C-alpha cells in the first residue's frame, strides 16, 4: 500500500506532522523534499561512534561548507547513534570536499565511511 510506505517517510522527514497522515496531505512535503534533494547533495556517513549527535556532525563537516541539515539515526531505547548519519550541504562541492577529507579517517576504533547519497 502506497500510503503505508509514504507515511513513515513523511514522519521521518517532517516530525512535526501528526498522525494519521493521509497521502494527499503528505505529497506537497514529499515534492519539496524531492526538489531539495535534487539540488542539495547529502553525504551519507557510516561507522559513526555511539556518542555521535548533531553537534558532532556539524563540528566535523562545517569546515567544508554551508550545512542545511544533519540527521543521526539513533536507537529508540538507548538513544545512542546507530553508526549512520546524513549531512545535507548547500553545495555539491562542499559534499565532495567532505568526502575527500573525511572518508577513511579514524573515529574511535573505526574508519568513517563518507559517501555521496544518490
PDB file of N, CA and C in Angstrom:
ATOM      1  N   UNK A   1       0.841  -1.176   0.000  1.00  0.00           N
ATOM      2  CA  UNK A   1       0.000   0.000   0.000  1.00  0.00           C
ATOM      3  C   UNK A   1       0.889   1.244   0.000  1.00  0.00           C
ATOM      4  N   UNK A   2       0.643   2.135  -0.940  1.00  0.00           N
ATOM      5  CA  UNK A   2       1.480   3.322  -1.091  1.00  0.00           C
ATOM      6  C   UNK A   2       1.412   4.218   0.137  1.00  0.00           C
ATOM      7  N   UNK A   3       0.245   4.363   0.727  1.00  0.00           N
ATOM      8  CA  UNK A   3       0.109   5.247   1.879  1.00  0.00           C
ATOM      9  C   UNK A   3       0.872   4.705   3.080  1.00  0.00           C
ATOM     10  N   UNK A   4       0.902   3.385   3.262  1.00  0.00           N
ATOM     11  CA  UNK A   4       1.646   2.809   4.375  1.00  0.00           C
ATOM     12  C   UNK A   4       3.137   3.065   4.218  1.00  0.00           C
ATOM     13  N   UNK A   5       3.640   3.092   3.006  1.00  0.00           N
ATOM     14  CA  UNK A   5       5.060   3.331   2.773  1.00  0.00           C
ATOM     15  C   UNK A   5       5.412   4.811   2.911  1.00  0.00           C
ATOM     16  N   UNK A   6       4.524   5.690   2.475  1.00  0.00           N
ATOM     17  CA  UNK A   6       4.811   7.119   2.477  1.00  0.00           C
ATOM     18  C   UNK A   6       4.673   7.719   3.865  1.00  0.00           C
ATOM     19  N   UNK A   7       3.743   7.258   4.665  1.00  0.00           N
ATOM     20  CA  UNK A   7       3.506   7.816   5.999  1.00  0.00           C
ATOM     21  C   UNK A   7       4.746   7.853   6.868  1.00  0.00           C
ATOM     22  N   UNK A   8       5.460   6.714   7.062  1.00  0.00           N
ATOM     23  CA  UNK A   8       6.672   6.751   7.885  1.00  0.00           C
ATOM     24  C   UNK A   8       7.764   7.660   7.314  1.00  0.00           C
ATOM     25  N   UNK A   9       7.890   7.725   5.994  1.00  0.00           N
ATOM     26  CA  UNK A   9       8.872   8.609   5.383  1.00  0.00           C
ATOM     27  C   UNK A   9       8.546  10.064   5.716  1.00  0.00           C
ATOM     28  N   UNK A  10       7.283  10.426   5.604  1.00  0.00           N
ATOM     29  CA  UNK A  10       6.885  11.795   5.928  1.00  0.00           C
ATOM     30  C   UNK A  10       7.176  12.120   7.391  1.00  0.00           C
ATOM     31  N   UNK A  11       6.881  11.178   8.279  1.00  0.00           N
ATOM     32  CA  UNK A  11       7.139  11.430   9.694  1.00  0.00           C
ATOM     33  C   UNK A  11       8.626  11.576   9.973  1.00  0.00           C
ATOM     34  N   UNK A  12       9.459  10.798   9.279  1.00  0.00           N
ATOM     35  CA  UNK A  12      10.896  10.901   9.492  1.00  0.00           C
ATOM     36  C   UNK A  12      11.418  12.237   8.983  1.00  0.00           C
ATOM     37  N   UNK A  13      10.940  12.659   7.816  1.00  0.00           N
ATOM     38  CA  UNK A  13      11.402  13.906   7.231  1.00  0.00           C
ATOM     39  C   UNK A  13      10.784  15.124   7.900  1.00  0.00           C
ATOM     40  N   UNK A  14       9.542  14.996   8.329  1.00  0.00           N
ATOM     41  CA  UNK A  14       8.803  16.112   8.910  1.00  0.00           C
ATOM     42  C   UNK A  14       8.153  15.672  10.218  1.00  0.00           C
ATOM     43  N   UNK A  15       8.935  15.571  11.303  1.00  0.00           N
ATOM     44  CA  UNK A  15       8.394  15.051  12.550  1.00  0.00           C
ATOM     45  C   UNK A  15       7.275  15.909  13.140  1.00  0.00           C
ATOM     46  N   UNK A  16       7.115  17.137  12.677  1.00  0.00           N
ATOM     47  CA  UNK A  16       6.059  17.983  13.193  1.00  0.00           C
ATOM     48  C   UNK A  16       4.674  17.581  12.667  1.00  0.00           C
ATOM     49  N   UNK A  17       4.623  16.712  11.647  1.00  0.00           N
ATOM     50  CA  UNK A  17       3.339  16.226  11.135  1.00  0.00           C
ATOM     51  C   UNK A  17       2.716  15.289  12.167  1.00  0.00           C
ATOM     52  N   UNK A  18       1.419  15.246  12.180  1.00  0.00           N
ATOM     53  CA  UNK A  18       0.716  14.423  13.161  1.00  0.00           C
ATOM     54  C   UNK A  18      -0.034  13.293  12.480  1.00  0.00           C
ATOM     55  N   UNK A  19      -0.155  12.203  13.216  1.00  0.00           N
ATOM     56  CA  UNK A  19      -0.928  11.062  12.728  1.00  0.00           C
ATOM     57  C   UNK A  19      -2.406  11.355  12.882  1.00  0.00           C
ATOM     58  N   UNK A  20      -3.279  10.779  12.096  1.00  0.00           N
ATOM     59  CA  UNK A  20      -2.958   9.929  10.955  1.00  0.00           C
ATOM     60  C   UNK A  20      -2.579  10.778   9.745  1.00  0.00           C
ATOM     61  N   UNK A  21      -1.589  10.321   9.029  1.00  0.00           N
ATOM     62  CA  UNK A  21      -1.170  11.004   7.813  1.00  0.00           C
ATOM     63  C   UNK A  21      -1.992  10.485   6.647  1.00  0.00           C
ATOM     64  N   UNK A  22      -2.414  11.374   5.806  1.00  0.00           N
ATOM     65  CA  UNK A  22      -3.087  10.957   4.582  1.00  0.00           C
ATOM     66  C   UNK A  22      -2.151  11.251   3.420  1.00  0.00           C
ATOM     67  N   UNK A  23      -2.231  10.450   2.411  1.00  0.00           N
ATOM     68  CA  UNK A  23      -1.347  10.613   1.273  1.00  0.00           C
ATOM     69  C   UNK A  23      -1.472  12.008   0.656  1.00  0.00           C
ATOM     70  N   UNK A  24      -2.670  12.539   0.417  1.00  0.00           N
ATOM     71  CA  UNK A  24      -2.742  13.882  -0.173  1.00  0.00           C
ATOM     72  C   UNK A  24      -2.094  14.950   0.702  1.00  0.00           C
ATOM     73  N   UNK A  25      -2.202  14.832   2.028  1.00  0.00           N
ATOM     74  CA  UNK A  25      -1.599  15.835   2.907  1.00  0.00           C
ATOM     75  C   UNK A  25      -0.085  15.759   2.878  1.00  0.00           C
ATOM     76  N   UNK A  26       0.435  14.595   2.619  1.00  0.00           N
ATOM     77  CA  UNK A  26       1.875  14.379   2.661  1.00  0.00           C
ATOM     78  C   UNK A  26       2.567  14.711   1.341  1.00  0.00           C
ATOM     79  N   UNK A  27       1.871  14.645   0.231  1.00  0.00           N
ATOM     80  CA  UNK A  27       2.501  14.814  -1.080  1.00  0.00           C
ATOM     81  C   UNK A  27       3.213  16.154  -1.272  1.00  0.00           C
ATOM     82  N   UNK A  28       2.645  17.284  -0.848  1.00  0.00           N
ATOM     83  CA  UNK A  28       3.398  18.535  -1.032  1.00  0.00           C
ATOM     84  C   UNK A  28       4.741  18.510  -0.315  1.00  0.00           C
ATOM     85  N   UNK A  29       4.778  17.924   0.861  1.00  0.00           N
ATOM     86  CA  UNK A  29       6.039  17.839   1.599  1.00  0.00           C
ATOM     87  C   UNK A  29       7.032  16.962   0.857  1.00  0.00           C
ATOM     88  N   UNK A  30       6.565  15.855   0.309  1.00  0.00           N
ATOM     89  CA  UNK A  30       7.461  14.966  -0.421  1.00  0.00           C
ATOM     90  C   UNK A  30       7.977  15.629  -1.692  1.00  0.00           C
ATOM     91  N   UNK A  31       7.142  16.403  -2.367  1.00  0.00           N
ATOM     92  CA  UNK A  31       7.604  17.118  -3.557  1.00  0.00           C
ATOM     93  C   UNK A  31       8.703  18.103  -3.194  1.00  0.00           C
ATOM     94  N   UNK A  32       8.538  18.800  -2.062  1.00  0.00           N
ATOM     95  CA  UNK A  32       9.545  19.747  -1.595  1.00  0.00           C
ATOM     96  C   UNK A  32      10.853  19.024  -1.316  1.00  0.00           C
ATOM     97  N   UNK A  33      10.777  17.868  -0.656  1.00  0.00           N
ATOM     98  CA  UNK A  33      11.974  17.095  -0.333  1.00  0.00           C
ATOM     99  C   UNK A  33      12.646  16.591  -1.602  1.00  0.00           C
ATOM    100  N   UNK A  34      11.865  16.112  -2.548  1.00  0.00           N
ATOM    101  CA  UNK A  34      12.436  15.605  -3.792  1.00  0.00           C
ATOM    102  C   UNK A  34      13.145  16.730  -4.537  1.00  0.00           C
ATOM    103  N   UNK A  35      12.543  17.904  -4.570  1.00  0.00           N
ATOM    104  CA  UNK A  35      13.159  19.047  -5.235  1.00  0.00           C
ATOM    105  C   UNK A  35      14.442  19.445  -4.516  1.00  0.00           C
ATOM    106  N   UNK A  36      14.404  19.510  -3.185  1.00  0.00           N
ATOM    107  CA  UNK A  36      15.581  19.888  -2.403  1.00  0.00           C
ATOM    108  C   UNK A  36      16.685  18.852  -2.559  1.00  0.00           C
ATOM    109  N   UNK A  37      16.330  17.584  -2.553  1.00  0.00           N
ATOM    110  CA  UNK A  37      17.334  16.530  -2.679  1.00  0.00           C
ATOM    111  C   UNK A  37      18.020  16.584  -4.036  1.00  0.00           C
ATOM    112  N   UNK A  38      17.280  16.985  -5.061  1.00  0.00           N
ATOM    113  CA  UNK A  38      17.879  17.079  -6.384  1.00  0.00           C
ATOM    114  C   UNK A  38      18.894  18.217  -6.449  1.00  0.00           C
ATOM    115  N   UNK A  39      18.674  19.258  -5.644  1.00  0.00           N
ATOM    116  CA  UNK A  39      19.554  20.422  -5.676  1.00  0.00           C
ATOM    117  C   UNK A  39      20.647  20.380  -4.617  1.00  0.00           C
ATOM    118  N   UNK A  40      20.382  19.742  -3.485  1.00  0.00           N
ATOM    119  CA  UNK A  40      21.283  19.786  -2.342  1.00  0.00           C
ATOM    120  C   UNK A  40      21.809  18.394  -2.033  1.00  0.00           C
ATOM    121  N   UNK A  41      23.089  18.188  -2.207  1.00  0.00           N
ATOM    122  CA  UNK A  41      23.652  16.858  -2.010  1.00  0.00           C
ATOM    123  C   UNK A  41      23.733  16.454  -0.536  1.00  0.00           C
ATOM    124  N   UNK A  42      23.519  15.178  -0.290  1.00  0.00           N
ATOM    125  CA  UNK A  42      23.642  14.603   1.039  1.00  0.00           C
ATOM    126  C   UNK A  42      24.913  13.779   1.086  1.00  0.00           C
ATOM    127  N   UNK A  43      25.662  13.930   2.158  1.00  0.00           N
ATOM    128  CA  UNK A  43      26.740  12.996   2.438  1.00  0.00           C
ATOM    129  C   UNK A  43      26.178  11.948   3.377  1.00  0.00           C
ATOM    130  N   UNK A  44      26.390  10.695   3.032  1.00  0.00           N
ATOM    131  CA  UNK A  44      25.942   9.573   3.850  1.00  0.00           C
ATOM    132  C   UNK A  44      27.136   9.101   4.673  1.00  0.00           C
ATOM    133  N   UNK A  45      26.934   8.935   5.964  1.00  0.00           N
ATOM    134  CA  UNK A  45      28.016   8.597   6.879  1.00  0.00           C
ATOM    135  C   UNK A  45      27.748   7.246   7.518  1.00  0.00           C
ATOM    136  N   UNK A  46      28.791   6.441   7.636  1.00  0.00           N
ATOM    137  CA  UNK A  46      28.693   5.148   8.316  1.00  0.00           C
ATOM    138  C   UNK A  46      29.878   5.005   9.261  1.00  0.00           C
ATOM    139  N   UNK A  47      29.723   4.131  10.238  1.00  0.00           N
ATOM    140  CA  UNK A  47      30.731   3.864  11.270  1.00  0.00           C
ATOM    141  C   UNK A  47      30.937   5.044  12.210  1.00  0.00           C
ATOM    142  N   UNK A  48      29.855   5.783  12.468  1.00  0.00           N
ATOM    143  CA  UNK A  48      29.936   6.854  13.458  1.00  0.00           C
ATOM    144  C   UNK A  48      29.999   6.242  14.855  1.00  0.00           C
ATOM    145  N   UNK A  49      30.621   6.928  15.810  1.00  0.00           N
ATOM    146  CA  UNK A  49      30.685   6.394  17.173  1.00  0.00           C
ATOM    147  C   UNK A  49      29.315   6.437  17.853  1.00  0.00           C
ATOM    148  N   UNK A  50      29.102   5.605  18.864  1.00  0.00           N
ATOM    149  CA  UNK A  50      27.797   5.559  19.550  1.00  0.00           C
ATOM    150  C   UNK A  50      27.384   6.890  20.180  1.00  0.00           C
ATOM    151  N   UNK A  51      28.349   7.742  20.519  1.00  0.00           N
ATOM    152  CA  UNK A  51      28.012   9.021  21.150  1.00  0.00           C
ATOM    153  C   UNK A  51      27.856  10.162  20.142  1.00  0.00           C
ATOM    154  N   UNK A  52      27.899   9.859  18.855  1.00  0.00           N
ATOM    155  CA  UNK A  52      27.742  10.904  17.825  1.00  0.00           C
ATOM    156  C   UNK A  52      26.344  11.501  17.900  1.00  0.00           C
ATOM    157  N   UNK A  53      26.274  12.815  17.734  1.00  0.00           N
ATOM    158  CA  UNK A  53      24.996  13.523  17.720  1.00  0.00           C
ATOM    159  C   UNK A  53      25.066  14.618  16.654  1.00  0.00           C
ATOM    160  N   UNK A  54      24.037  15.457  16.578  1.00  0.00           N
ATOM    161  CA  UNK A  54      24.005  16.506  15.557  1.00  0.00           C
ATOM    162  C   UNK A  54      25.191  17.456  15.682  1.00  0.00           C
ATOM    163  N   UNK A  55      25.538  17.812  16.914  1.00  0.00           N
ATOM    164  CA  UNK A  55      26.660  18.720  17.134  1.00  0.00           C
ATOM    165  C   UNK A  55      27.959  18.106  16.608  1.00  0.00           C
ATOM    166  N   UNK A  56      28.153  16.817  16.839  1.00  0.00           N
ATOM    167  CA  UNK A  56      29.321  16.104  16.328  1.00  0.00           C
ATOM    168  C   UNK A  56      29.415  16.257  14.807  1.00  0.00           C
ATOM    169  N   UNK A  57      28.281  16.057  14.119  1.00  0.00           N
ATOM    170  CA  UNK A  57      28.280  16.171  12.654  1.00  0.00           C
ATOM    171  C   UNK A  57      28.569  17.598  12.202  1.00  0.00           C
ATOM    172  N   UNK A  58      27.945  18.582  12.865  1.00  0.00           N
ATOM    173  CA  UNK A  58      28.210  19.973  12.497  1.00  0.00           C
ATOM    174  C   UNK A  58      29.683  20.318  12.691  1.00  0.00           C
ATOM    175  N   UNK A  59      30.268  19.880  13.796  1.00  0.00           N
ATOM    176  CA  UNK A  59      31.674  20.201  14.060  1.00  0.00           C
ATOM    177  C   UNK A  59      32.608  19.542  13.042  1.00  0.00           C
ATOM    178  N   UNK A  60      32.323  18.316  12.662  1.00  0.00           N
ATOM    179  CA  UNK A  60      33.178  17.595  11.714  1.00  0.00           C
ATOM    180  C   UNK A  60      33.032  18.123  10.284  1.00  0.00           C
ATOM    181  N   UNK A  61      31.801  18.491   9.887  1.00  0.00           N
ATOM    182  CA  UNK A  61      31.533  18.764   8.478  1.00  0.00           C
ATOM    183  C   UNK A  61      31.397  20.236   8.116  1.00  0.00           C
ATOM    184  N   UNK A  62      31.179  21.128   9.068  1.00  0.00           N
ATOM    185  CA  UNK A  62      31.011  22.544   8.731  1.00  0.00           C
ATOM    186  C   UNK A  62      32.255  23.188   8.113  1.00  0.00           C
ATOM    187  N   UNK A  63      33.477  22.710   8.383  1.00  0.00           N
ATOM    188  CA  UNK A  63      34.620  23.332   7.700  1.00  0.00           C
ATOM    189  C   UNK A  63      34.586  23.195   6.173  1.00  0.00           C
ATOM    190  N   UNK A  64      33.747  22.320   5.644  1.00  0.00           N
ATOM    191  CA  UNK A  64      33.733  22.067   4.206  1.00  0.00           C
ATOM    192  C   UNK A  64      32.671  22.861   3.455  1.00  0.00           C
ATOM    193  N   UNK A  65      31.815  23.562   4.183  1.00  0.00           N
ATOM    194  CA  UNK A  65      30.806  24.381   3.514  1.00  0.00           C
ATOM    195  C   UNK A  65      29.527  24.482   4.318  1.00  0.00           C
ATOM    196  N   UNK A  66      28.610  25.274   3.797  1.00  0.00           N
ATOM    197  CA  UNK A  66      27.335  25.521   4.482  1.00  0.00           C
ATOM    198  C   UNK A  66      26.511  24.235   4.569  1.00  0.00           C
ATOM    199  N   UNK A  67      26.009  23.981   5.763  1.00  0.00           N
ATOM    200  CA  UNK A  67      25.186  22.796   6.018  1.00  0.00           C
ATOM    201  C   UNK A  67      23.740  23.236   6.177  1.00  0.00           C
ATOM    202  N   UNK A  68      22.852  22.556   5.454  1.00  0.00           N
ATOM    203  CA  UNK A  68      21.428  22.852   5.575  1.00  0.00           C
ATOM    204  C   UNK A  68      20.784  22.053   6.699  1.00  0.00           C
ATOM    205  N   UNK A  69      21.222  20.798   6.879  1.00  0.00           N
ATOM    206  CA  UNK A  69      20.663  19.971   7.960  1.00  0.00           C
ATOM    207  C   UNK A  69      21.558  18.766   8.194  1.00  0.00           C
ATOM    208  N   UNK A  70      21.388  18.167   9.361  1.00  0.00           N
ATOM    209  CA  UNK A  70      22.072  16.915   9.689  1.00  0.00           C
ATOM    210  C   UNK A  70      21.060  15.973  10.314  1.00  0.00           C
ATOM    211  N   UNK A  71      21.326  14.686  10.194  1.00  0.00           N
ATOM    212  CA  UNK A  71      20.448  13.662  10.769  1.00  0.00           C
ATOM    213  C   UNK A  71      21.329  12.537  11.285  1.00  0.00           C
ATOM    214  N   UNK A  72      21.111  12.131  12.531  1.00  0.00           N
ATOM    215  CA  UNK A  72      21.798  10.993  13.122  1.00  0.00           C
ATOM    216  C   UNK A  72      20.735   9.948  13.429  1.00  0.00           C
ATOM    217  N   UNK A  73      20.931   8.734  12.941  1.00  0.00           N
ATOM    218  CA  UNK A  73      19.993   7.657  13.245  1.00  0.00           C
ATOM    219  C   UNK A  73      20.341   7.093  14.614  1.00  0.00           C
ATOM    220  N   UNK A  74      19.356   7.089  15.515  1.00  0.00           N
ATOM    221  CA  UNK A  74      19.589   6.647  16.883  1.00  0.00           C
ATOM    222  C   UNK A  74      18.705   5.464  17.237  1.00  0.00           C
ATOM    223  N   UNK A  75      19.169   4.699  18.206  1.00  0.00           N
ATOM    224  CA  UNK A  75      18.402   3.587  18.736  1.00  0.00           C
ATOM    225  C   UNK A  75      17.313   4.161  19.634  1.00  0.00           C
ATOM    226  N   UNK A  76      16.049   3.751  19.453  1.00  0.00           N
ATOM    227  CA  UNK A  76      14.961   4.342  20.240  1.00  0.00           C
ATOM    228  C   UNK A  76      15.066   4.049  21.744  1.00  0.00           C
ATOM    229  N   UNK A  77      15.598   2.895  22.104  1.00  0.00           N
ATOM    230  CA  UNK A  77      15.697   2.556  23.528  1.00  0.00           C
ATOM    231  C   UNK A  77      16.859   3.274  24.213  1.00  0.00           C
ATOM    232  N   UNK A  78      18.043   3.183  23.639  1.00  0.00           N
ATOM    233  CA  UNK A  78      19.237   3.728  24.299  1.00  0.00           C
ATOM    234  C   UNK A  78      19.493   5.189  23.942  1.00  0.00           C
ATOM    235  N   UNK A  79      18.990   5.628  22.795  1.00  0.00           N
ATOM    236  CA  UNK A  79      19.267   6.983  22.332  1.00  0.00           C
ATOM    237  C   UNK A  79      20.643   7.133  21.705  1.00  0.00           C
ATOM    238  N   UNK A  80      21.405   6.043  21.654  1.00  0.00           N
ATOM    239  CA  UNK A  80      22.740   6.096  21.072  1.00  0.00           C
ATOM    240  C   UNK A  80      22.684   6.041  19.550  1.00  0.00           C
ATOM    241  N   UNK A  81      23.705   6.617  18.939  1.00  0.00           N
ATOM    242  CA  UNK A  81      23.831   6.602  17.486  1.00  0.00           C
ATOM    243  C   UNK A  81      23.959   5.175  16.991  1.00  0.00           C
ATOM    244  N   UNK A  82      23.259   4.873  15.912  1.00  0.00           N
ATOM    245  CA  UNK A  82      23.342   3.549  15.281  1.00  0.00           C
ATOM    246  C   UNK A  82      24.529   3.438  14.329  1.00  0.00           C
ATOM    247  N   UNK A  83      25.338   4.476  14.241  1.00  0.00           N
ATOM    248  CA  UNK A  83      26.504   4.454  13.370  1.00  0.00           C
ATOM    249  C   UNK A  83      26.258   5.075  12.011  1.00  0.00           C
ATOM    250  N   UNK A  84      25.050   5.582  11.796  1.00  0.00           N
ATOM    251  CA  UNK A  84      24.679   6.127  10.480  1.00  0.00           C
ATOM    252  C   UNK A  84      24.174   7.559  10.643  1.00  0.00           C
ATOM    253  N   UNK A  85      24.571   8.414   9.698  1.00  0.00           N
ATOM    254  CA  UNK A  85      24.099   9.786   9.707  1.00  0.00           C
ATOM    255  C   UNK A  85      24.113  10.380   8.312  1.00  0.00           C
ATOM    256  N   UNK A  86      23.546  11.569   8.194  1.00  0.00           N
ATOM    257  CA  UNK A  86      23.466  12.269   6.916  1.00  0.00           C
ATOM    258  C   UNK A  86      23.752  13.743   7.137  1.00  0.00           C
ATOM    259  N   UNK A  87      24.478  14.339   6.219  1.00  0.00           N
ATOM    260  CA  UNK A  87      24.740  15.781   6.227  1.00  0.00           C
ATOM    261  C   UNK A  87      24.254  16.329   4.895  1.00  0.00           C
ATOM    262  N   UNK A  88      23.378  17.314   4.950  1.00  0.00           N
ATOM    263  CA  UNK A  88      22.823  17.938   3.754  1.00  0.00           C
ATOM    264  C   UNK A  88      23.541  19.264   3.528  1.00  0.00           C
ATOM    265  N   UNK A  89      24.396  19.301   2.522  1.00  0.00           N
ATOM    266  CA  UNK A  89      25.160  20.509   2.202  1.00  0.00           C
ATOM    267  C   UNK A  89      24.382  21.401   1.245  1.00  0.00           C
ATOM    268  N   UNK A  90      24.682  22.690   1.295  1.00  0.00           N
ATOM    269  CA  UNK A  90      24.061  23.641   0.373  1.00  0.00           C
ATOM    270  C   UNK A  90      24.627  23.506  -1.035  1.00  0.00           C
ATOM    271  N   UNK A  91      25.880  23.052  -1.143  1.00  0.00           N
ATOM    272  CA  UNK A  91      26.525  22.958  -2.448  1.00  0.00           C
ATOM    273  C   UNK A  91      27.172  21.596  -2.647  1.00  0.00           C
ATOM    274  N   UNK A  92      27.120  21.111  -3.867  1.00  0.00           N
ATOM    275  CA  UNK A  92      27.707  19.826  -4.222  1.00  0.00           C
ATOM    276  C   UNK A  92      29.208  19.799  -3.917  1.00  0.00           C
ATOM    277  N   UNK A  93      29.905  20.875  -4.218  1.00  0.00           N
ATOM    278  CA  UNK A  93      31.357  20.926  -3.999  1.00  0.00           C
ATOM    279  C   UNK A  93      31.707  20.730  -2.528  1.00  0.00           C
ATOM    280  N   UNK A  94      30.871  21.211  -1.632  1.00  0.00           N
ATOM    281  CA  UNK A  94      31.109  21.034  -0.199  1.00  0.00           C
ATOM    282  C   UNK A  94      31.026  19.562   0.189  1.00  0.00           C
ATOM    283  N   UNK A  95      30.041  18.876  -0.356  1.00  0.00           N
ATOM    284  CA  UNK A  95      29.902  17.444  -0.081  1.00  0.00           C
ATOM    285  C   UNK A  95      31.109  16.683  -0.598  1.00  0.00           C
ATOM    286  N   UNK A  96      31.577  17.028  -1.786  1.00  0.00           N
ATOM    287  CA  UNK A  96      32.741  16.353  -2.370  1.00  0.00           C
ATOM    288  C   UNK A  96      33.978  16.608  -1.517  1.00  0.00           C
ATOM    289  N   UNK A  97      34.174  17.845  -1.064  1.00  0.00           N
ATOM    290  CA  UNK A  97      35.329  18.161  -0.205  1.00  0.00           C
ATOM    291  C   UNK A  97      35.282  17.364   1.094  1.00  0.00           C
ATOM    292  N   UNK A  98      34.083  17.219   1.662  1.00  0.00           N
ATOM    293  CA  UNK A  98      33.970  16.466   2.921  1.00  0.00           C
ATOM    294  C   UNK A  98      34.319  14.993   2.705  1.00  0.00           C
ATOM    295  N   UNK A  99      33.921  14.449   1.577  1.00  0.00           N
ATOM    296  CA  UNK A  99      34.230  13.049   1.264  1.00  0.00           C
ATOM    297  C   UNK A  99      35.736  12.876   1.101  1.00  0.00           C
ATOM    298  N   UNK A 100      36.347  13.776   0.351  1.00  0.00           N
ATOM    299  CA  UNK A 100      37.789  13.686   0.104  1.00  0.00           C
ATOM    300  C   UNK A 100      38.585  13.800   1.396  1.00  0.00           C
ATOM    301  N   UNK A 101      38.132  14.637   2.309  1.00  0.00           N
ATOM    302  CA  UNK A 101      38.884  14.875   3.541  1.00  0.00           C
ATOM    303  C   UNK A 101      38.598  13.854   4.637  1.00  0.00           C
ATOM    304  N   UNK A 102      37.359  13.379   4.739  1.00  0.00           N
ATOM    305  CA  UNK A 102      36.981  12.588   5.911  1.00  0.00           C
ATOM    306  C   UNK A 102      36.786  11.097   5.661  1.00  0.00           C
ATOM    307  N   UNK A 103      36.615  10.694   4.425  1.00  0.00           N
ATOM    308  CA  UNK A 103      36.412   9.268   4.161  1.00  0.00           C
ATOM    309  C   UNK A 103      37.657   8.485   4.590  1.00  0.00           C
ATOM    310  N   UNK A 104      37.440   7.488   5.428  1.00  0.00           N
ATOM    311  CA  UNK A 104      38.536   6.654   5.894  1.00  0.00           C
ATOM    312  C   UNK A 104      39.241   7.146   7.143  1.00  0.00           C
ATOM    313  N   UNK A 105      38.874   8.336   7.636  1.00  0.00           N
ATOM    314  CA  UNK A 105      39.512   8.821   8.860  1.00  0.00           C
ATOM    315  C   UNK A 105      39.033   8.020  10.061  1.00  0.00           C
ATOM    316  N   UNK A 106      39.903   7.886  11.038  1.00  0.00           N
ATOM    317  CA  UNK A 106      39.591   7.132  12.253  1.00  0.00           C
ATOM    318  C   UNK A 106      38.744   7.984  13.192  1.00  0.00           C
ATOM    319  N   UNK A 107      37.651   7.394  13.647  1.00  0.00           N
ATOM    320  CA  UNK A 107      36.824   7.991  14.683  1.00  0.00           C
ATOM    321  C   UNK A 107      36.653   6.895  15.726  1.00  0.00           C
ATOM    322  N   UNK A 108      37.338   7.043  16.834  1.00  0.00           N
ATOM    323  CA  UNK A 108      37.363   5.951  17.806  1.00  0.00           C
ATOM    324  C   UNK A 108      38.185   4.810  17.237  1.00  0.00           C
ATOM    325  N   UNK A 109      37.598   3.620  17.239  1.00  0.00           N
ATOM    326  CA  UNK A 109      38.323   2.452  16.731  1.00  0.00           C
ATOM    327  C   UNK A 109      37.890   2.053  15.317  1.00  0.00           C
ATOM    328  N   UNK A 110      37.062   2.883  14.661  1.00  0.00           N
ATOM    329  CA  UNK A 110      36.567   2.557  13.326  1.00  0.00           C
ATOM    330  C   UNK A 110      36.966   3.630  12.326  1.00  0.00           C
ATOM    331  N   UNK A 111      36.993   3.256  11.062  1.00  0.00           N
ATOM    332  CA  UNK A 111      37.216   4.205   9.981  1.00  0.00           C
ATOM    333  C   UNK A 111      35.862   4.683   9.472  1.00  0.00           C
ATOM    334  N   UNK A 112      35.700   6.004   9.439  1.00  0.00           N
ATOM    335  CA  UNK A 112      34.435   6.584   8.997  1.00  0.00           C
ATOM    336  C   UNK A 112      34.289   6.416   7.478  1.00  0.00           C
ATOM    337  N   UNK A 113      33.115   6.018   7.054  1.00  0.00           N
ATOM    338  CA  UNK A 113      32.797   5.875   5.634  1.00  0.00           C
ATOM    339  C   UNK A 113      31.920   7.063   5.256  1.00  0.00           C
ATOM    340  N   UNK A 114      32.391   7.878   4.329  1.00  0.00           N
ATOM    341  CA  UNK A 114      31.647   9.060   3.884  1.00  0.00           C
ATOM    342  C   UNK A 114      31.459   8.939   2.369  1.00  0.00           C
ATOM    343  N   UNK A 115      30.209   9.001   1.930  1.00  0.00           N
ATOM    344  CA  UNK A 115      29.923   8.889   0.503  1.00  0.00           C
ATOM    345  C   UNK A 115      28.786   9.830   0.130  1.00  0.00           C
ATOM    346  N   UNK A 116      28.622  10.041  -1.159  1.00  0.00           N
ATOM    347  CA  UNK A 116      27.536  10.898  -1.651  1.00  0.00           C
ATOM    348  C   UNK A 116      26.275  10.075  -1.749  1.00  0.00           C
ATOM    349  N   UNK A 117      25.223  10.536  -1.107  1.00  0.00           N
ATOM    350  CA  UNK A 117      23.932   9.847  -1.152  1.00  0.00           C
ATOM    351  C   UNK A 117      23.268  10.159  -2.483  1.00  0.00           C
ATOM    352  N   UNK A 118      22.884   9.116  -3.211  1.00  0.00           N
ATOM    353  CA  UNK A 118      22.236   9.339  -4.504  1.00  0.00           C
ATOM    354  C   UNK A 118      20.795   8.942  -4.467  1.00  0.00           C
TER     355      UNK A 118
END
